[in-house]
PDB file of N, CA and C in Angstrom:
ATOM      1  N   PHE A   1      34.502  49.856-114.396  1.00  0.00           N
ATOM      2  CA  PHE A   1      35.137  48.707-113.532  1.00  0.00           C
ATOM      3  C   PHE A   1      34.311  47.159-113.925  1.00  0.00           C
ATOM      4  N   ILE A   2      32.729  47.834-114.104  1.00  0.00           N
ATOM      5  CA  ILE A   2      32.024  45.974-113.800  1.00  0.00           C
ATOM      6  C   ILE A   2      31.883  45.717-115.600  1.00  0.00           C
ATOM      7  N   ASP A   3      32.550  46.487-116.235  1.00  0.00           N
ATOM      8  CA  ASP A   3      32.661  45.346-117.561  1.00  0.00           C
ATOM      9  C   ASP A   3      33.796  44.590-117.544  1.00  0.00           C
ATOM     10  N   LEU A   4      35.038  45.096-116.603  1.00  0.00           N
ATOM     11  CA  LEU A   4      36.201  44.395-116.610  1.00  0.00           C
ATOM     12  C   LEU A   4      35.476  43.213-115.109  1.00  0.00           C
ATOM     13  N   CYS A   5      35.085  43.343-114.613  1.00  0.00           N
ATOM     14  CA  CYS A   5      34.123  42.493-114.530  1.00  0.00           C
ATOM     15  C   CYS A   5      33.787  41.386-114.358  1.00  0.00           C
ATOM     16  N   ILE A   6      33.209  41.661-115.207  1.00  0.00           N
ATOM     17  CA  ILE A   6      31.924  40.726-115.818  1.00  0.00           C
ATOM     18  C   ILE A   6      33.123  39.754-116.860  1.00  0.00           C
ATOM     19  N   LEU A   7      34.154  40.282-117.481  1.00  0.00           N
ATOM     20  CA  LEU A   7      34.334  39.831-119.163  1.00  0.00           C
ATOM     21  C   LEU A   7      35.869  39.236-117.874  1.00  0.00           C
ATOM     22  N   MET A   8      36.252  39.229-117.320  1.00  0.00           N
ATOM     23  CA  MET A   8      36.756  38.422-116.227  1.00  0.00           C
ATOM     24  C   MET A   8      35.861  37.043-115.428  1.00  0.00           C
ATOM     25  N   GLY A   9      35.394  37.105-115.668  1.00  0.00           N
ATOM     26  CA  GLY A   9      34.295  36.210-115.209  1.00  0.00           C
ATOM     27  C   GLY A   9      33.510  36.468-114.374  1.00  0.00           C
ATOM     28  N   CYS A  10      32.160  35.947-114.101  1.00  0.00           N
ATOM     29  CA  CYS A  10      31.983  36.245-112.599  1.00  0.00           C
ATOM     30  C   CYS A  10      30.407  34.903-112.257  1.00  0.00           C
ATOM     31  N   ASP A  11      29.684  35.604-111.603  1.00  0.00           N
ATOM     32  CA  ASP A  11      28.597  34.438-111.122  1.00  0.00           C
ATOM     33  C   ASP A  11      27.616  34.977-111.857  1.00  0.00           C
ATOM     34  N   TYR A  12      26.508  36.108-112.566  1.00  0.00           N
ATOM     35  CA  TYR A  12      26.031  36.459-113.018  1.00  0.00           C
ATOM     36  C   TYR A  12      26.007  36.759-114.642  1.00  0.00           C
ATOM     37  N   THR A  13      26.773  36.469-115.710  1.00  0.00           N
ATOM     38  CA  THR A  13      26.862  36.306-116.088  1.00  0.00           C
ATOM     39  C   THR A  13      28.412  34.376-117.259  1.00  0.00           C
ATOM     40  N   ASP A  14      28.181  33.621-118.331  1.00  0.00           N
ATOM     41  CA  ASP A  14      29.407  33.682-118.468  1.00  0.00           C
ATOM     42  C   ASP A  14      30.098  34.031-119.416  1.00  0.00           C
ATOM     43  N   SER A  15      31.409  34.297-118.757  1.00  0.00           N
ATOM     44  CA  SER A  15      32.671  34.634-119.196  1.00  0.00           C
ATOM     45  C   SER A  15      33.294  34.407-121.116  1.00  0.00           C
ATOM     46  N   ILE A  16      34.188  34.585-121.410  1.00  0.00           N
ATOM     47  CA  ILE A  16      34.473  34.329-122.677  1.00  0.00           C
ATOM     48  C   ILE A  16      36.046  33.068-123.124  1.00  0.00           C
ATOM     49  N   ARG A  17      35.396  32.170-123.164  1.00  0.00           N
ATOM     50  CA  ARG A  17      36.788  31.637-123.361  1.00  0.00           C
ATOM     51  C   ARG A  17      38.218  32.243-124.342  1.00  0.00           C
ATOM     52  N   GLY A  18      39.336  31.863-122.982  1.00  0.00           N
ATOM     53  CA  GLY A  18      40.458  32.646-122.855  1.00  0.00           C
ATOM     54  C   GLY A  18      40.784  34.065-122.924  1.00  0.00           C
ATOM     55  N   ILE A  19      39.330  34.220-122.453  1.00  0.00           N
ATOM     56  CA  ILE A  19      40.406  36.158-122.176  1.00  0.00           C
ATOM     57  C   ILE A  19      40.052  35.440-120.219  1.00  0.00           C
ATOM     58  N   GLY A  20      41.038  35.983-120.306  1.00  0.00           N
ATOM     59  CA  GLY A  20      41.256  36.196-118.593  1.00  0.00           C
ATOM     60  C   GLY A  20      41.505  37.332-118.048  1.00  0.00           C
ATOM     61  N   PRO A  21      42.636  37.549-116.691  1.00  0.00           N
ATOM     62  CA  PRO A  21      43.023  38.626-116.013  1.00  0.00           C
ATOM     63  C   PRO A  21      43.019  39.586-116.903  1.00  0.00           C
ATOM     64  N   LYS A  22      44.325  39.458-117.478  1.00  0.00           N
ATOM     65  CA  LYS A  22      45.183  40.458-117.979  1.00  0.00           C
ATOM     66  C   LYS A  22      45.015  40.379-119.322  1.00  0.00           C
ATOM     67  N   LYS A  23      44.083  39.645-120.201  1.00  0.00           N
ATOM     68  CA  LYS A  23      43.655  39.960-121.474  1.00  0.00           C
ATOM     69  C   LYS A  23      42.662  40.778-121.474  1.00  0.00           C
ATOM     70  N   SER A  24      41.356  40.502-119.835  1.00  0.00           N
ATOM     71  CA  SER A  24      40.534  41.011-120.073  1.00  0.00           C
ATOM     72  C   SER A  24      41.269  43.251-119.817  1.00  0.00           C
ATOM     73  N   ILE A  25      42.330  43.343-118.673  1.00  0.00           N
ATOM     74  CA  ILE A  25      41.399  44.472-118.697  1.00  0.00           C
ATOM     75  C   ILE A  25      43.444  45.071-119.730  1.00  0.00           C
ATOM     76  N   GLU A  26      43.781  44.474-120.701  1.00  0.00           N
ATOM     77  CA  GLU A  26      44.010  45.172-121.912  1.00  0.00           C
ATOM     78  C   GLU A  26      42.499  45.675-123.154  1.00  0.00           C
ATOM     79  N   LEU A  27      41.854  44.482-122.620  1.00  0.00           N
ATOM     80  CA  LEU A  27      40.559  44.495-123.769  1.00  0.00           C
ATOM     81  C   LEU A  27      40.218  45.734-123.366  1.00  0.00           C
ATOM     82  N   ILE A  28      40.185  46.371-121.658  1.00  0.00           N
ATOM     83  CA  ILE A  28      39.227  46.967-121.142  1.00  0.00           C
ATOM     84  C   ILE A  28      39.931  48.487-122.142  1.00  0.00           C
ATOM     85  N   ARG A  29      40.740  48.503-121.448  1.00  0.00           N
ATOM     86  CA  ARG A  29      42.356  49.538-121.762  1.00  0.00           C
ATOM     87  C   ARG A  29      42.027  50.109-123.215  1.00  0.00           C
ATOM     88  N   ASN A  30      41.650  49.623-124.359  1.00  0.00           N
ATOM     89  CA  ASN A  30      41.991  49.652-125.565  1.00  0.00           C
ATOM     90  C   ASN A  30      40.643  49.483-125.871  1.00  0.00           C
ATOM     91  N   HIS A  31      39.259  49.236-125.387  1.00  0.00           N
ATOM     92  CA  HIS A  31      38.144  49.339-125.648  1.00  0.00           C
ATOM     93  C   HIS A  31      37.207  50.060-124.811  1.00  0.00           C
ATOM     94  N   LYS A  32      37.177  50.191-123.575  1.00  0.00           N
ATOM     95  CA  LYS A  32      36.390  50.910-122.498  1.00  0.00           C
ATOM     96  C   LYS A  32      35.263  50.434-122.817  1.00  0.00           C
ATOM     97  N   SER A  33      34.888  48.922-123.208  1.00  0.00           N
ATOM     98  CA  SER A  33      33.213  49.196-123.140  1.00  0.00           C
ATOM     99  C   SER A  33      33.172  47.422-123.533  1.00  0.00           C
ATOM    100  N   ILE A  34      32.289  46.761-122.955  1.00  0.00           N
ATOM    101  CA  ILE A  34      32.518  45.122-123.158  1.00  0.00           C
ATOM    102  C   ILE A  34      31.438  45.136-125.080  1.00  0.00           C
ATOM    103  N   ASP A  35      31.048  46.800-125.467  1.00  0.00           N
ATOM    104  CA  ASP A  35      29.992  46.337-126.515  1.00  0.00           C
ATOM    105  C   ASP A  35      31.356  46.568-127.917  1.00  0.00           C
ATOM    106  N   THR A  36      32.142  47.601-127.758  1.00  0.00           N
ATOM    107  CA  THR A  36      33.380  48.171-128.345  1.00  0.00           C
ATOM    108  C   THR A  36      34.107  46.960-128.447  1.00  0.00           C
ATOM    109  N   ILE A  37      34.205  46.188-127.257  1.00  0.00           N
ATOM    110  CA  ILE A  37      35.951  44.966-127.935  1.00  0.00           C
ATOM    111  C   ILE A  37      34.635  43.975-128.449  1.00  0.00           C
ATOM    112  N   LEU A  38      33.732  42.998-128.339  1.00  0.00           N
ATOM    113  CA  LEU A  38      32.605  42.397-129.893  1.00  0.00           C
ATOM    114  C   LEU A  38      33.032  43.570-130.502  1.00  0.00           C
ATOM    115  N   ASN A  39      32.363  43.690-131.142  1.00  0.00           N
ATOM    116  CA  ASN A  39      32.808  44.165-132.459  1.00  0.00           C
ATOM    117  C   ASN A  39      34.046  44.356-132.688  1.00  0.00           C
ATOM    118  N   SER A  40      35.410  44.726-132.134  1.00  0.00           N
ATOM    119  CA  SER A  40      36.753  44.620-133.016  1.00  0.00           C
ATOM    120  C   SER A  40      37.972  42.635-131.975  1.00  0.00           C
ATOM    121  N   ILE A  41      37.496  42.238-131.207  1.00  0.00           N
ATOM    122  CA  ILE A  41      37.619  41.040-130.823  1.00  0.00           C
ATOM    123  C   ILE A  41      36.842  39.711-132.462  1.00  0.00           C
ATOM    124  N   ASP A  42      38.511  39.088-132.885  1.00  0.00           N
ATOM    125  CA  ASP A  42      39.040  37.762-133.457  1.00  0.00           C
ATOM    126  C   ASP A  42      37.230  37.388-132.666  1.00  0.00           C
ATOM    127  N   LYS A  43      36.222  36.620-132.913  1.00  0.00           N
ATOM    128  CA  LYS A  43      35.129  35.658-132.894  1.00  0.00           C
ATOM    129  C   LYS A  43      34.767  34.604-132.878  1.00  0.00           C
ATOM    130  N   ASP A  44      36.574  33.994-133.547  1.00  0.00           N
ATOM    131  CA  ASP A  44      36.578  33.001-134.161  1.00  0.00           C
ATOM    132  C   ASP A  44      37.850  32.461-132.957  1.00  0.00           C
ATOM    133  N   LYS A  45      38.436  33.381-132.435  1.00  0.00           N
ATOM    134  CA  LYS A  45      39.352  32.845-131.289  1.00  0.00           C
ATOM    135  C   LYS A  45      39.095  32.952-129.739  1.00  0.00           C
ATOM    136  N   TYR A  46      38.390  34.195-129.699  1.00  0.00           N
ATOM    137  CA  TYR A  46      37.541  34.514-128.569  1.00  0.00           C
ATOM    138  C   TYR A  46      35.923  34.730-129.196  1.00  0.00           C
ATOM    139  N   PRO A  47      35.320  33.211-128.850  1.00  0.00           N
ATOM    140  CA  PRO A  47      33.919  33.180-129.120  1.00  0.00           C
ATOM    141  C   PRO A  47      33.333  33.835-127.988  1.00  0.00           C
ATOM    142  N   PRO A  48      32.424  34.563-127.983  1.00  0.00           N
ATOM    143  CA  PRO A  48      31.497  34.683-127.254  1.00  0.00           C
ATOM    144  C   PRO A  48      30.473  33.653-127.130  1.00  0.00           C
ATOM    145  N   PRO A  49      30.040  33.244-125.299  1.00  0.00           N
ATOM    146  CA  PRO A  49      28.943  32.340-124.928  1.00  0.00           C
ATOM    147  C   PRO A  49      27.478  32.300-125.882  1.00  0.00           C
ATOM    148  N   GLU A  50      26.821  31.623-126.249  1.00  0.00           N
ATOM    149  CA  GLU A  50      25.640  32.207-127.195  1.00  0.00           C
ATOM    150  C   GLU A  50      24.236  32.319-126.319  1.00  0.00           C
ATOM    151  N   ASN A  51      24.146  33.789-126.776  1.00  0.00           N
ATOM    152  CA  ASN A  51      23.465  34.492-126.358  1.00  0.00           C
ATOM    153  C   ASN A  51      23.677  35.060-124.505  1.00  0.00           C
ATOM    154  N   TRP A  52      24.956  35.295-124.790  1.00  0.00           N
ATOM    155  CA  TRP A  52      25.133  36.273-124.192  1.00  0.00           C
ATOM    156  C   TRP A  52      24.909  37.787-123.236  1.00  0.00           C
ATOM    157  N   ASN A  53      24.522  37.602-122.198  1.00  0.00           N
ATOM    158  CA  ASN A  53      23.724  38.295-121.498  1.00  0.00           C
ATOM    159  C   ASN A  53      24.947  39.311-120.316  1.00  0.00           C
ATOM    160  N   PHE A  54      25.405  39.572-121.261  1.00  0.00           N
ATOM    161  CA  PHE A  54      26.418  40.760-120.252  1.00  0.00           C
ATOM    162  C   PHE A  54      25.677  42.083-120.122  1.00  0.00           C
ATOM    163  N   GLN A  55      24.619  42.238-121.063  1.00  0.00           N
ATOM    164  CA  GLN A  55      23.828  43.740-121.269  1.00  0.00           C
ATOM    165  C   GLN A  55      23.286  43.436-119.243  1.00  0.00           C
ATOM    166  N   GLY A  56      22.470  42.199-119.008  1.00  0.00           N
ATOM    167  CA  GLY A  56      21.847  41.923-117.966  1.00  0.00           C
ATOM    168  C   GLY A  56      22.747  42.075-116.955  1.00  0.00           C
ATOM    169  N   ALA A  57      24.034  40.782-117.166  1.00  0.00           N
ATOM    170  CA  ALA A  57      24.924  41.645-115.970  1.00  0.00           C
ATOM    171  C   ALA A  57      25.626  42.186-115.295  1.00  0.00           C
ATOM    172  N   ARG A  58      25.894  43.057-116.218  1.00  0.00           N
ATOM    173  CA  ARG A  58      25.939  44.556-115.852  1.00  0.00           C
ATOM    174  C   ARG A  58      24.700  45.076-114.920  1.00  0.00           C
ATOM    175  N   GLU A  59      23.061  45.505-115.554  1.00  0.00           N
ATOM    176  CA  GLU A  59      22.171  45.645-114.686  1.00  0.00           C
ATOM    177  C   GLU A  59      22.634  45.087-113.451  1.00  0.00           C
ATOM    178  N   LEU A  60      22.287  43.636-113.017  1.00  0.00           N
ATOM    179  CA  LEU A  60      22.097  43.629-111.691  1.00  0.00           C
ATOM    180  C   LEU A  60      23.774  43.437-111.056  1.00  0.00           C
ATOM    181  N   PHE A  61      25.201  44.211-111.507  1.00  0.00           N
ATOM    182  CA  PHE A  61      26.230  44.946-110.689  1.00  0.00           C
ATOM    183  C   PHE A  61      25.576  46.598-110.382  1.00  0.00           C
ATOM    184  N   LYS A  62      25.406  47.199-111.156  1.00  0.00           N
ATOM    185  CA  LYS A  62      24.533  47.998-110.998  1.00  0.00           C
ATOM    186  C   LYS A  62      23.606  48.175-110.093  1.00  0.00           C
ATOM    187  N   HIS A  63      22.708  47.654-110.584  1.00  0.00           N
ATOM    188  CA  HIS A  63      21.131  47.101-109.572  1.00  0.00           C
ATOM    189  C   HIS A  63      21.134  46.703-108.809  1.00  0.00           C
ATOM    190  N   PRO A  64      21.514  45.565-107.960  1.00  0.00           N
ATOM    191  CA  PRO A  64      21.019  44.322-107.585  1.00  0.00           C
ATOM    192  C   PRO A  64      19.675  44.365-106.350  1.00  0.00           C
ATOM    193  N   GLU A  65      19.498  42.940-106.784  1.00  0.00           N
ATOM    194  CA  GLU A  65      18.201  42.581-105.961  1.00  0.00           C
ATOM    195  C   GLU A  65      18.807  42.644-105.129  1.00  0.00           C
ATOM    196  N   VAL A  66      17.970  42.931-103.601  1.00  0.00           N
ATOM    197  CA  VAL A  66      18.316  42.941-102.002  1.00  0.00           C
ATOM    198  C   VAL A  66      17.131  42.803-101.656  1.00  0.00           C
ATOM    199  N   THR A  67      17.006  41.920-100.900  1.00  0.00           N
ATOM    200  CA  THR A  67      16.092  41.613 -99.890  1.00  0.00           C
ATOM    201  C   THR A  67      15.898  42.119 -98.390  1.00  0.00           C
ATOM    202  N   ASP A  68      15.099  42.980 -97.228  1.00  0.00           N
ATOM    203  CA  ASP A  68      14.879  43.132 -97.359  1.00  0.00           C
ATOM    204  C   ASP A  68      15.344  42.058 -95.592  1.00  0.00           C
ATOM    205  N   PRO A  69      16.589  42.115 -94.924  1.00  0.00           N
ATOM    206  CA  PRO A  69      16.374  40.722 -93.805  1.00  0.00           C
ATOM    207  C   PRO A  69      15.311  40.697 -92.605  1.00  0.00           C
ATOM    208  N   GLU A  70      14.575  41.535 -92.477  1.00  0.00           N
ATOM    209  CA  GLU A  70      13.397  41.903 -91.668  1.00  0.00           C
ATOM    210  C   GLU A  70      12.368  40.756 -92.631  1.00  0.00           C
ATOM    211  N   THR A  71      12.108  40.781 -93.133  1.00  0.00           N
ATOM    212  CA  THR A  71      11.211  40.201 -94.130  1.00  0.00           C
ATOM    213  C   THR A  71      11.802  38.480 -93.998  1.00  0.00           C
ATOM    214  N   ILE A  72      12.974  37.937 -93.716  1.00  0.00           N
ATOM    215  CA  ILE A  72      12.765  36.300 -93.936  1.00  0.00           C
ATOM    216  C   ILE A  72      13.016  36.406 -92.417  1.00  0.00           C
ATOM    217  N   ASP A  73      12.651  35.095 -92.664  1.00  0.00           N
ATOM    218  CA  ASP A  73      12.216  33.956 -91.806  1.00  0.00           C
ATOM    219  C   ASP A  73      12.791  32.488 -91.343  1.00  0.00           C
ATOM    220  N   LEU A  74      13.777  32.456 -91.172  1.00  0.00           N
ATOM    221  CA  LEU A  74      14.615  31.971 -91.549  1.00  0.00           C
ATOM    222  C   LEU A  74      14.388  30.845 -89.840  1.00  0.00           C
ATOM    223  N   LYS A  75      14.875  29.138 -89.618  1.00  0.00           N
ATOM    224  CA  LYS A  75      14.447  28.862 -88.978  1.00  0.00           C
ATOM    225  C   LYS A  75      15.851  27.298 -89.133  1.00  0.00           C
ATOM    226  N   TRP A  76      16.735  27.728 -88.049  1.00  0.00           N
ATOM    227  CA  TRP A  76      17.265  26.652 -87.424  1.00  0.00           C
ATOM    228  C   TRP A  76      16.391  25.304 -87.444  1.00  0.00           C
ATOM    229  N   VAL A  77      17.485  23.763 -88.262  1.00  0.00           N
ATOM    230  CA  VAL A  77      16.998  22.619 -87.878  1.00  0.00           C
ATOM    231  C   VAL A  77      18.280  22.309 -87.493  1.00  0.00           C
ATOM    232  N   GLU A  78      18.415  21.045 -87.099  1.00  0.00           N
ATOM    233  CA  GLU A  78      19.827  20.393 -87.026  1.00  0.00           C
ATOM    234  C   GLU A  78      20.302  18.729 -87.270  1.00  0.00           C
TER     235      GLU A  78
END
């Protein structure tokens, strides 16, 4: 599921141009992970972003950075 979210586009990293939700589902069903997708897609037709950090995005989905709300000091201004 996480790799599907990354392929469809997320806030953590860029997506592969030309691969939308429908193509993402098809690729995940056939290849199971981004790693195997990258080994099989036509990189001329679907070029991955340069220095694509999908592994970092995957880690953020698995282990999000969460701040304890008790440590945050909010000040409202008009």
